[in-house]
Amino acid sequence: MDFKKFCKIIAVIAAICALAAAAYYAVKKLTDKDEPEYFDDNDFFECDNNLEIVEVKEEIEEPKEEKKAAPKKKAAKKDAE
């Protein structure tokens, strides 16, 4: 048996295994039921129930109206002929 023929046989077996794995994965993905995962909130962060409530009083300043200068009109220039 030649080395080339041996390599071809191994390549064919590997290709068949890859196709079988792809078919298995596709069938499993399509037929799998979607079940929701429930997580406990305490797994992600620690909750401290002894929180201090602080009230902040903010004063809102009203914007002052500024007098806008009227745009100056340019005098029309007369051409002297």
PDB file of N, CA and C in Angstrom:
ATOM      1  N   MET A   1       0.851  -1.170   0.000  1.00  0.00           N
ATOM      2  CA  MET A   1       0.000   0.000   0.000  1.00  0.00           C
ATOM      3  C   MET A   1       0.900   1.237   0.000  1.00  0.00           C
ATOM      4  N   ASP A   2       0.625   2.144  -0.905  1.00  0.00           N
ATOM      5  CA  ASP A   2       1.410   3.367  -0.995  1.00  0.00           C
ATOM      6  C   ASP A   2       1.028   4.331   0.114  1.00  0.00           C
ATOM      7  N   PHE A   3       1.947   5.227   0.385  1.00  0.00           N
ATOM      8  CA  PHE A   3       1.703   6.250   1.400  1.00  0.00           C
ATOM      9  C   PHE A   3       0.583   7.194   0.968  1.00  0.00           C
ATOM     10  N   LYS A   4       0.521   7.517  -0.335  1.00  0.00           N
ATOM     11  CA  LYS A   4      -0.519   8.404  -0.857  1.00  0.00           C
ATOM     12  C   LYS A   4      -1.896   7.773  -0.688  1.00  0.00           C
ATOM     13  N   LYS A   5      -2.013   6.473  -0.965  1.00  0.00           N
ATOM     14  CA  LYS A   5      -3.288   5.788  -0.836  1.00  0.00           C
ATOM     15  C   LYS A   5      -3.713   5.741   0.639  1.00  0.00           C
ATOM     16  N   PHE A   6      -2.763   5.532   1.537  1.00  0.00           N
ATOM     17  CA  PHE A   6      -3.035   5.525   2.965  1.00  0.00           C
ATOM     18  C   PHE A   6      -3.554   6.893   3.430  1.00  0.00           C
ATOM     19  N   CYS A   7      -2.914   7.965   2.952  1.00  0.00           N
ATOM     20  CA  CYS A   7      -3.343   9.325   3.322  1.00  0.00           C
ATOM     21  C   CYS A   7      -4.742   9.631   2.789  1.00  0.00           C
ATOM     22  N   LYS A   8      -5.054   9.147   1.591  1.00  0.00           N
ATOM     23  CA  LYS A   8      -6.374   9.362   1.017  1.00  0.00           C
ATOM     24  C   LYS A   8      -7.450   8.654   1.843  1.00  0.00           C
ATOM     25  N   ILE A   9      -7.156   7.446   2.290  1.00  0.00           N
ATOM     26  CA  ILE A   9      -8.117   6.693   3.102  1.00  0.00           C
ATOM     27  C   ILE A   9      -8.361   7.416   4.426  1.00  0.00           C
ATOM     28  N   ILE A  10      -7.296   7.891   5.058  1.00  0.00           N
ATOM     29  CA  ILE A  10      -7.434   8.633   6.317  1.00  0.00           C
ATOM     30  C   ILE A  10      -8.238   9.917   6.089  1.00  0.00           C
ATOM     31  N   ALA A  11      -8.004  10.621   4.978  1.00  0.00           N
ATOM     32  CA  ALA A  11      -8.729  11.854   4.661  1.00  0.00           C
ATOM     33  C   ALA A  11     -10.213  11.581   4.444  1.00  0.00           C
ATOM     34  N   VAL A  12     -10.542  10.478   3.780  1.00  0.00           N
ATOM     35  CA  VAL A  12     -11.942  10.123   3.546  1.00  0.00           C
ATOM     36  C   VAL A  12     -12.629   9.797   4.870  1.00  0.00           C
ATOM     37  N   ILE A  13     -11.958   9.059   5.743  1.00  0.00           N
ATOM     38  CA  ILE A  13     -12.534   8.729   7.054  1.00  0.00           C
ATOM     39  C   ILE A  13     -12.757  10.002   7.873  1.00  0.00           C
ATOM     40  N   ALA A  14     -11.801  10.925   7.841  1.00  0.00           N
ATOM     41  CA  ALA A  14     -11.946  12.179   8.570  1.00  0.00           C
ATOM     42  C   ALA A  14     -13.097  13.013   8.007  1.00  0.00           C
ATOM     43  N   ALA A  15     -13.257  13.025   6.690  1.00  0.00           N
ATOM     44  CA  ALA A  15     -14.348  13.781   6.072  1.00  0.00           C
ATOM     45  C   ALA A  15     -15.705  13.198   6.452  1.00  0.00           C
ATOM     46  N   ILE A  16     -15.801  11.867   6.482  1.00  0.00           N
ATOM     47  CA  ILE A  16     -17.055  11.217   6.872  1.00  0.00           C
ATOM     48  C   ILE A  16     -17.389  11.538   8.326  1.00  0.00           C
ATOM     49  N   CYS A  17     -16.385  11.513   9.186  1.00  0.00           N
ATOM     50  CA  CYS A  17     -16.611  11.863  10.597  1.00  0.00           C
ATOM     51  C   CYS A  17     -17.060  13.315  10.737  1.00  0.00           C
ATOM     52  N   ALA A  18     -16.473  14.216   9.956  1.00  0.00           N
ATOM     53  CA  ALA A  18     -16.852  15.631  10.013  1.00  0.00           C
ATOM     54  C   ALA A  18     -18.292  15.829   9.538  1.00  0.00           C
ATOM     55  N   LEU A  19     -18.673  15.118   8.470  1.00  0.00           N
ATOM     56  CA  LEU A  19     -20.058  15.222   7.998  1.00  0.00           C
ATOM     57  C   LEU A  19     -21.042  14.670   9.016  1.00  0.00           C
ATOM     58  N   ALA A  20     -20.681  13.570   9.666  1.00  0.00           N
ATOM     59  CA  ALA A  20     -21.558  12.994  10.692  1.00  0.00           C
ATOM     60  C   ALA A  20     -21.704  13.956  11.873  1.00  0.00           C
ATOM     61  N   ALA A  21     -20.607  14.577  12.272  1.00  0.00           N
ATOM     62  CA  ALA A  21     -20.669  15.533  13.382  1.00  0.00           C
ATOM     63  C   ALA A  21     -21.505  16.751  13.011  1.00  0.00           C
ATOM     64  N   ALA A  22     -21.378  17.242  11.778  1.00  0.00           N
ATOM     65  CA  ALA A  22     -22.168  18.389  11.335  1.00  0.00           C
ATOM     66  C   ALA A  22     -23.652  18.050  11.293  1.00  0.00           C
ATOM     67  N   ALA A  23     -23.985  16.850  10.807  1.00  0.00           N
ATOM     68  CA  ALA A  23     -25.392  16.430  10.754  1.00  0.00           C
ATOM     69  C   ALA A  23     -25.956  16.293  12.171  1.00  0.00           C
ATOM     70  N   TYR A  24     -25.186  15.698  13.066  1.00  0.00           N
ATOM     71  CA  TYR A  24     -25.632  15.551  14.452  1.00  0.00           C
ATOM     72  C   TYR A  24     -25.875  16.917  15.094  1.00  0.00           C
ATOM     73  N   TYR A  25     -24.951  17.851  14.894  1.00  0.00           N
ATOM     74  CA  TYR A  25     -25.076  19.186  15.473  1.00  0.00           C
ATOM     75  C   TYR A  25     -26.302  19.903  14.907  1.00  0.00           C
ATOM     76  N   ALA A  26     -26.539  19.778  13.591  1.00  0.00           N
ATOM     77  CA  ALA A  26     -27.679  20.453  12.966  1.00  0.00           C
ATOM     78  C   ALA A  26     -29.002  19.876  13.472  1.00  0.00           C
ATOM     79  N   VAL A  27     -29.088  18.559  13.559  1.00  0.00           N
ATOM     80  CA  VAL A  27     -30.318  17.937  14.042  1.00  0.00           C
ATOM     81  C   VAL A  27     -30.564  18.302  15.498  1.00  0.00           C
ATOM     82  N   LYS A  28     -29.516  18.293  16.296  1.00  0.00           N
ATOM     83  CA  LYS A  28     -29.669  18.627  17.708  1.00  0.00           C
ATOM     84  C   LYS A  28     -30.095  20.086  17.869  1.00  0.00           C
ATOM     85  N   LYS A  29     -29.533  20.981  17.069  1.00  0.00           N
ATOM     86  CA  LYS A  29     -29.842  22.407  17.166  1.00  0.00           C
ATOM     87  C   LYS A  29     -31.282  22.683  16.733  1.00  0.00           C
ATOM     88  N   LEU A  30     -31.746  21.991  15.699  1.00  0.00           N
ATOM     89  CA  LEU A  30     -33.088  22.235  15.184  1.00  0.00           C
ATOM     90  C   LEU A  30     -34.179  21.611  16.047  1.00  0.00           C
ATOM     91  N   THR A  31     -33.900  20.479  16.679  1.00  0.00           N
ATOM     92  CA  THR A  31     -34.937  19.774  17.435  1.00  0.00           C
ATOM     93  C   THR A  31     -34.885  20.042  18.928  1.00  0.00           C
ATOM     94  N   ASP A  32     -33.902  20.783  19.384  1.00  0.00           N
ATOM     95  CA  ASP A  32     -33.765  21.046  20.818  1.00  0.00           C
ATOM     96  C   ASP A  32     -34.841  22.019  21.275  1.00  0.00           C
ATOM     97  N   LYS A  33     -35.481  21.723  22.398  1.00  0.00           N
ATOM     98  CA  LYS A  33     -36.492  22.610  22.954  1.00  0.00           C
ATOM     99  C   LYS A  33     -35.809  23.775  23.650  1.00  0.00           C
ATOM    100  N   ASP A  34     -36.368  24.955  23.445  1.00  0.00           N
ATOM    101  CA  ASP A  34     -35.825  26.136  24.106  1.00  0.00           C
ATOM    102  C   ASP A  34     -36.449  26.255  25.491  1.00  0.00           C
ATOM    103  N   GLU A  35     -35.682  25.927  26.495  1.00  0.00           N
ATOM    104  CA  GLU A  35     -36.155  26.050  27.863  1.00  0.00           C
ATOM    105  C   GLU A  35     -35.511  27.275  28.492  1.00  0.00           C
ATOM    106  N   PRO A  36     -36.303  28.112  29.133  1.00  0.00           N
ATOM    107  CA  PRO A  36     -35.713  29.324  29.726  1.00  0.00           C
ATOM    108  C   PRO A  36     -34.821  28.975  30.906  1.00  0.00           C
ATOM    109  N   GLU A  37     -33.734  29.729  31.021  1.00  0.00           N
ATOM    110  CA  GLU A  37     -32.840  29.546  32.162  1.00  0.00           C
ATOM    111  C   GLU A  37     -33.184  30.583  33.210  1.00  0.00           C
ATOM    112  N   TYR A  38     -33.378  30.130  34.419  1.00  0.00           N
ATOM    113  CA  TYR A  38     -33.693  31.041  35.500  1.00  0.00           C
ATOM    114  C   TYR A  38     -32.452  31.202  36.365  1.00  0.00           C
ATOM    115  N   PHE A  39     -32.129  32.457  36.669  1.00  0.00           N
ATOM    116  CA  PHE A  39     -30.968  32.760  37.480  1.00  0.00           C
ATOM    117  C   PHE A  39     -31.411  33.418  38.774  1.00  0.00           C
ATOM    118  N   ASP A  40     -30.654  33.165  39.799  1.00  0.00           N
ATOM    119  CA  ASP A  40     -30.888  33.827  41.074  1.00  0.00           C
ATOM    120  C   ASP A  40     -30.095  35.132  41.065  1.00  0.00           C
ATOM    121  N   ASP A  41     -30.757  36.240  41.395  1.00  0.00           N
ATOM    122  CA  ASP A  41     -30.074  37.539  41.361  1.00  0.00           C
ATOM    123  C   ASP A  41     -28.903  37.597  42.335  1.00  0.00           C
ATOM    124  N   ASN A  42     -28.953  36.828  43.369  1.00  0.00           N
ATOM    125  CA  ASN A  42     -27.866  36.870  44.355  1.00  0.00           C
ATOM    126  C   ASN A  42     -26.581  36.238  43.805  1.00  0.00           C
ATOM    127  N   ASP A  43     -26.688  35.519  42.714  1.00  0.00           N
ATOM    128  CA  ASP A  43     -25.490  34.944  42.107  1.00  0.00           C
ATOM    129  C   ASP A  43     -24.629  36.010  41.433  1.00  0.00           C
ATOM    130  N   PHE A  44     -25.248  37.116  41.027  1.00  0.00           N
ATOM    131  CA  PHE A  44     -24.536  38.122  40.243  1.00  0.00           C
ATOM    132  C   PHE A  44     -24.003  39.277  41.080  1.00  0.00           C
ATOM    133  N   PHE A  45     -24.724  39.683  42.106  1.00  0.00           N
ATOM    134  CA  PHE A  45     -24.258  40.798  42.922  1.00  0.00           C
ATOM    135  C   PHE A  45     -24.793  40.637  44.335  1.00  0.00           C
ATOM    136  N   GLU A  46     -24.095  41.265  45.252  1.00  0.00           N
ATOM    137  CA  GLU A  46     -24.554  41.237  46.629  1.00  0.00           C
ATOM    138  C   GLU A  46     -25.453  42.433  46.863  1.00  0.00           C
ATOM    139  N   CYS A  47     -26.560  42.214  47.495  1.00  0.00           N
ATOM    140  CA  CYS A  47     -27.520  43.285  47.738  1.00  0.00           C
ATOM    141  C   CYS A  47     -27.453  43.680  49.205  1.00  0.00           C
ATOM    142  N   ASP A  48     -27.231  44.971  49.447  1.00  0.00           N
ATOM    143  CA  ASP A  48     -27.209  45.484  50.804  1.00  0.00           C
ATOM    144  C   ASP A  48     -28.529  46.190  51.055  1.00  0.00           C
ATOM    145  N   ASN A  49     -29.340  45.630  51.919  1.00  0.00           N
ATOM    146  CA  ASN A  49     -30.664  46.198  52.160  1.00  0.00           C
ATOM    147  C   ASN A  49     -30.635  47.393  53.106  1.00  0.00           C
ATOM    148  N   ASN A  50     -29.514  47.682  53.727  1.00  0.00           N
ATOM    149  CA  ASN A  50     -29.412  48.815  54.641  1.00  0.00           C
ATOM    150  C   ASN A  50     -28.889  50.034  53.887  1.00  0.00           C
ATOM    151  N   LEU A  51     -29.694  50.538  52.975  1.00  0.00           N
ATOM    152  CA  LEU A  51     -29.288  51.678  52.175  1.00  0.00           C
ATOM    153  C   LEU A  51     -29.700  52.971  52.859  1.00  0.00           C
ATOM    154  N   GLU A  52     -28.875  53.983  52.720  1.00  0.00           N
ATOM    155  CA  GLU A  52     -29.169  55.280  53.308  1.00  0.00           C
ATOM    156  C   GLU A  52     -29.776  56.169  52.233  1.00  0.00           C
ATOM    157  N   ILE A  53     -30.924  56.770  52.547  1.00  0.00           N
ATOM    158  CA  ILE A  53     -31.607  57.624  51.586  1.00  0.00           C
ATOM    159  C   ILE A  53     -31.225  59.070  51.877  1.00  0.00           C
ATOM    160  N   VAL A  54     -30.720  59.732  50.869  1.00  0.00           N
ATOM    161  CA  VAL A  54     -30.287  61.115  51.009  1.00  0.00           C
ATOM    162  C   VAL A  54     -31.121  61.959  50.059  1.00  0.00           C
ATOM    163  N   GLU A  55     -31.748  63.016  50.593  1.00  0.00           N
ATOM    164  CA  GLU A  55     -32.538  63.902  49.759  1.00  0.00           C
ATOM    165  C   GLU A  55     -31.692  65.107  49.386  1.00  0.00           C
ATOM    166  N   VAL A  56     -31.703  65.448  48.127  1.00  0.00           N
ATOM    167  CA  VAL A  56     -30.915  66.567  47.634  1.00  0.00           C
ATOM    168  C   VAL A  56     -31.870  67.607  47.079  1.00  0.00           C
ATOM    169  N   LYS A  57     -31.692  68.840  47.561  1.00  0.00           N
ATOM    170  CA  LYS A  57     -32.522  69.929  47.055  1.00  0.00           C
ATOM    171  C   LYS A  57     -31.712  70.688  46.009  1.00  0.00           C
ATOM    172  N   GLU A  58     -32.239  70.734  44.828  1.00  0.00           N
ATOM    173  CA  GLU A  58     -31.555  71.440  43.758  1.00  0.00           C
ATOM    174  C   GLU A  58     -32.365  72.678  43.396  1.00  0.00           C
ATOM    175  N   GLU A  59     -31.677  73.792  43.316  1.00  0.00           N
ATOM    176  CA  GLU A  59     -32.337  75.015  42.911  1.00  0.00           C
ATOM    177  C   GLU A  59     -32.119  75.191  41.419  1.00  0.00           C
ATOM    178  N   ILE A  60     -33.204  75.379  40.730  1.00  0.00           N
ATOM    179  CA  ILE A  60     -33.114  75.546  39.283  1.00  0.00           C
ATOM    180  C   ILE A  60     -33.152  77.039  38.979  1.00  0.00           C
ATOM    181  N   GLU A  61     -32.115  77.510  38.337  1.00  0.00           N
ATOM    182  CA  GLU A  61     -32.053  78.915  37.967  1.00  0.00           C
ATOM    183  C   GLU A  61     -32.686  79.100  36.599  1.00  0.00           C
ATOM    184  N   GLU A  62     -33.561  80.115  36.517  1.00  0.00           N
ATOM    185  CA  GLU A  62     -34.182  80.395  35.238  1.00  0.00           C
ATOM    186  C   GLU A  62     -33.215  81.219  34.398  1.00  0.00           C
ATOM    187  N   PRO A  63     -33.087  80.919  33.151  1.00  0.00           N
ATOM    188  CA  PRO A  63     -32.154  81.683  32.314  1.00  0.00           C
ATOM    189  C   PRO A  63     -32.645  83.122  32.143  1.00  0.00           C
ATOM    190  N   LYS A  64     -31.714  84.048  32.261  1.00  0.00           N
ATOM    191  CA  LYS A  64     -32.055  85.454  32.127  1.00  0.00           C
ATOM    192  C   LYS A  64     -32.142  85.796  30.648  1.00  0.00           C
ATOM    193  N   GLU A  65     -33.133  86.604  30.341  1.00  0.00           N
ATOM    194  CA  GLU A  65     -33.289  87.006  28.950  1.00  0.00           C
ATOM    195  C   GLU A  65     -32.350  88.165  28.670  1.00  0.00           C
ATOM    196  N   GLU A  66     -31.543  88.006  27.674  1.00  0.00           N
ATOM    197  CA  GLU A  66     -30.609  89.055  27.300  1.00  0.00           C
ATOM    198  C   GLU A  66     -31.202  89.829  26.132  1.00  0.00           C
ATOM    199  N   LYS A  67     -30.942  91.119  26.163  1.00  0.00           N
ATOM    200  CA  LYS A  67     -31.433  91.949  25.075  1.00  0.00           C
ATOM    201  C   LYS A  67     -30.536  91.728  23.868  1.00  0.00           C
ATOM    202  N   LYS A  68     -31.177  91.396  22.777  1.00  0.00           N
ATOM    203  CA  LYS A  68     -30.420  91.160  21.561  1.00  0.00           C
ATOM    204  C   LYS A  68     -30.427  92.444  20.746  1.00  0.00           C
ATOM    205  N   ALA A  69     -29.266  92.817  20.277  1.00  0.00           N
ATOM    206  CA  ALA A  69     -29.160  94.021  19.461  1.00  0.00           C
ATOM    207  C   ALA A  69     -29.747  93.717  18.087  1.00  0.00           C
ATOM    208  N   ALA A  70     -30.531  94.693  17.606  1.00  0.00           N
ATOM    209  CA  ALA A  70     -31.140  94.535  16.287  1.00  0.00           C
ATOM    210  C   ALA A  70     -30.038  94.584  15.239  1.00  0.00           C
ATOM    211  N   PRO A  71     -30.095  93.739  14.263  1.00  0.00           N
ATOM    212  CA  PRO A  71     -29.044  93.775  13.242  1.00  0.00           C
ATOM    213  C   PRO A  71     -29.089  95.103  12.481  1.00  0.00           C
ATOM    214  N   LYS A  72     -27.915  95.626  12.262  1.00  0.00           N
ATOM    215  CA  LYS A  72     -27.830  96.919  11.581  1.00  0.00           C
ATOM    216  C   LYS A  72     -28.051  96.722  10.093  1.00  0.00           C
ATOM    217  N   LYS A  73     -28.853  97.631   9.557  1.00  0.00           N
ATOM    218  CA  LYS A  73     -29.111  97.564   8.120  1.00  0.00           C
ATOM    219  C   LYS A  73     -28.108  98.437   7.422  1.00  0.00           C
ATOM    220  N   LYS A  74     -27.565  97.944   6.375  1.00  0.00           N
ATOM    221  CA  LYS A  74     -26.591  98.702   5.616  1.00  0.00           C
ATOM    222  C   LYS A  74     -27.337  99.650   4.673  1.00  0.00           C
ATOM    223  N   ALA A  75     -26.796 100.828   4.605  1.00  0.00           N
ATOM    224  CA  ALA A  75     -27.398 101.813   3.716  1.00  0.00           C
ATOM    225  C   ALA A  75     -27.128 101.408   2.281  1.00  0.00           C
ATOM    226  N   ALA A  76     -28.140 101.552   1.463  1.00  0.00           N
ATOM    227  CA  ALA A  76     -27.984 101.203   0.050  1.00  0.00           C
ATOM    228  C   ALA A  76     -27.091 102.235  -0.612  1.00  0.00           C
ATOM    229  N   LYS A  77     -26.121 101.772  -1.306  1.00  0.00           N
ATOM    230  CA  LYS A  77     -25.204 102.670  -1.992  1.00  0.00           C
ATOM    231  C   LYS A  77     -25.798 103.031  -3.358  1.00  0.00           C
ATOM    232  N   LYS A  78     -25.734 104.328  -3.615  1.00  0.00           N
ATOM    233  CA  LYS A  78     -26.235 104.790  -4.913  1.00  0.00           C
ATOM    234  C   LYS A  78     -25.044 105.014  -5.827  1.00  0.00           C
ATOM    235  N   ASP A  79     -25.140 104.503  -7.011  1.00  0.00           N
ATOM    236  CA  ASP A  79     -24.066 104.697  -7.974  1.00  0.00           C
ATOM    237  C   ASP A  79     -24.239 106.048  -8.633  1.00  0.00           C
ATOM    238  N   ALA A  80     -23.201 106.817  -8.615  1.00  0.00           N
ATOM    239  CA  ALA A  80     -23.262 108.115  -9.271  1.00  0.00           C
ATOM    240  C   ALA A  80     -22.838 107.958 -10.716  1.00  0.00           C
ATOM    241  N   GLU A  81     -23.717 108.371 -11.602  1.00  0.00           N
ATOM    242  CA  GLU A  81     -23.401 108.229 -13.002  1.00  0.00           C
ATOM    243  C   GLU A  81     -23.148 109.561 -13.619  1.00  0.00           C
TER     244      GLU A  81
END
